[in-house]
């Protein structure tokens, strides 16, 4: 019988690129703890699951949001892409519409 693999801090910081998982008959996927720790999902959390070139890709929602922010920054829309900016713009537009309606 082979000796169990000794886990070290280094192995957690740099998990192997490929580890064995399990998909149950109900479709639940078990991810090894090393991978969950590496991406900040120690206690679970929301993920985005995609089919890319026949492979299943799982990304944390943090990664998805960071990517969207990067794309917005690169496109020059970062200043226009925030919810606070949109709400401020909409409030000003609403006030302008109300003022115009009062002049009728």
Protein backbone atom coordinates (compact mmCIF):
# COMPACT_ATOMS: atom_id res chain seq x y z
CA UNK A 1 0.00 0.00 0.00
CA UNK A 2 1.36 3.42 -0.96
CA UNK A 3 1.95 5.99 1.73
CA UNK A 4 -0.57 8.85 1.74
CA UNK A 5 0.63 12.00 0.05
CA UNK A 6 1.86 14.51 2.59
CA UNK A 7 0.19 17.90 2.17
CA UNK A 8 2.33 20.93 2.53
CA UNK A 9 1.65 24.65 2.46
CA UNK A 10 3.44 24.77 -0.89
CA UNK A 11 1.06 22.18 -2.40
CA UNK A 12 -1.91 24.30 -1.34
CA UNK A 13 -0.43 27.47 -2.82
CA UNK A 14 0.32 25.71 -6.13
CA UNK A 15 -2.09 22.80 -6.56
CA UNK A 16 -1.47 20.33 -9.36
CA UNK A 17 -3.01 21.39 -12.67
CA UNK A 18 -5.00 18.16 -12.80
CA UNK A 19 -6.68 16.39 -9.89
CA UNK A 20 -9.32 13.71 -9.79
CA UNK A 21 -12.89 14.73 -8.93
CA UNK A 22 -16.22 12.92 -9.00
CA UNK A 23 -19.61 13.54 -10.63
CA UNK A 24 -22.50 11.77 -8.88
CA UNK A 25 -25.44 10.21 -10.67
CA UNK A 26 -27.43 13.31 -9.66
CA UNK A 27 -24.88 15.50 -11.46
CA UNK A 28 -23.12 16.92 -8.41
CA UNK A 29 -19.43 17.61 -8.90
CA UNK A 30 -16.97 17.18 -6.04
CA UNK A 31 -13.94 19.45 -6.34
CA UNK A 32 -10.76 18.56 -4.44
CA UNK A 33 -10.03 20.81 -1.45
CA UNK A 34 -6.70 21.93 -2.95
CA UNK A 35 -8.48 23.41 -5.96
CA UNK A 36 -11.21 25.04 -3.87
CA UNK A 37 -8.58 26.67 -1.63
CA UNK A 38 -6.57 27.85 -4.64
CA UNK A 39 -9.54 29.83 -6.01
CA UNK A 40 -11.04 30.99 -2.71
CA UNK A 41 -13.96 28.55 -2.55
CA UNK A 42 -13.06 26.89 0.76
CA UNK A 43 -16.62 27.38 1.99
CA UNK A 44 -18.29 27.17 -1.39
CA UNK A 45 -19.74 30.02 -3.40
CA UNK A 46 -21.22 31.03 -6.73
CA UNK A 47 -19.46 29.95 -9.91
CA UNK A 48 -19.95 30.33 -13.65
CA UNK A 49 -19.93 27.06 -15.59
CA UNK A 50 -19.23 27.16 -19.32
CA UNK A 51 -18.68 24.67 -22.10
CA UNK A 52 -15.58 25.79 -24.04
CA UNK A 53 -14.34 23.68 -26.96
CA UNK A 54 -15.88 20.55 -25.46
CA UNK A 55 -14.35 21.16 -22.00
CA UNK A 56 -16.19 22.25 -18.87
CA UNK A 57 -14.76 25.49 -17.47
CA UNK A 58 -15.62 26.62 -13.95
CA UNK A 59 -14.84 30.22 -12.92
CA UNK A 60 -15.55 31.99 -9.67
CA UNK A 61 -17.92 34.94 -9.90
CA UNK A 62 -15.07 37.11 -8.59
CA UNK A 63 -13.01 36.08 -11.62
CA UNK A 64 -15.95 36.81 -13.95
CA UNK A 65 -16.52 40.27 -12.41
CA UNK A 66 -12.80 41.08 -12.53
CA UNK A 67 -12.73 40.14 -16.22
CA UNK A 68 -15.77 42.33 -16.96
CA UNK A 69 -14.15 45.26 -15.14
CA UNK A 70 -10.93 44.77 -17.13
CA UNK A 71 -12.86 44.72 -20.41
CA UNK A 72 -14.77 47.87 -19.40
CA UNK A 73 -11.51 49.62 -18.49
CA UNK A 74 -9.86 48.59 -21.76
CA UNK A 75 -12.87 49.76 -23.78
CA UNK A 76 -12.95 53.17 -22.09
CA UNK A 77 -16.33 52.46 -20.50
CA UNK A 78 -15.09 52.01 -16.95
CA UNK A 79 -16.31 55.46 -15.84
CA UNK A 80 -19.69 54.87 -17.45
CA UNK A 81 -20.06 51.27 -16.33
CA UNK A 82 -20.66 51.72 -12.60
CA UNK A 83 -24.12 51.35 -11.10
CA UNK A 84 -23.66 54.54 -9.06
CA UNK A 85 -22.87 56.54 -12.22
CA UNK A 86 -25.87 55.08 -14.02
CA UNK A 87 -28.21 55.87 -11.13
CA UNK A 88 -26.84 59.42 -10.94
CA UNK A 89 -27.33 59.88 -14.67
CA UNK A 90 -30.87 58.47 -14.46
CA UNK A 91 -31.77 60.74 -11.52
CA UNK A 92 -30.61 63.81 -13.49
CA UNK A 93 -32.55 62.62 -16.54
CA UNK A 94 -35.70 62.09 -14.43
CA UNK A 95 -35.40 65.63 -12.99
CA UNK A 96 -34.98 67.01 -16.51
CA UNK A 97 -38.07 65.12 -17.71
CA UNK A 98 -40.11 66.36 -14.74
CA UNK A 99 -39.03 69.94 -15.41
CA UNK A 100 -39.95 69.61 -19.10
CA UNK A 101 -43.33 68.13 -18.21
CA UNK A 102 -44.02 71.08 -15.88
CA UNK A 103 -43.53 73.55 -18.73
CA UNK A 104 -46.23 71.94 -20.87
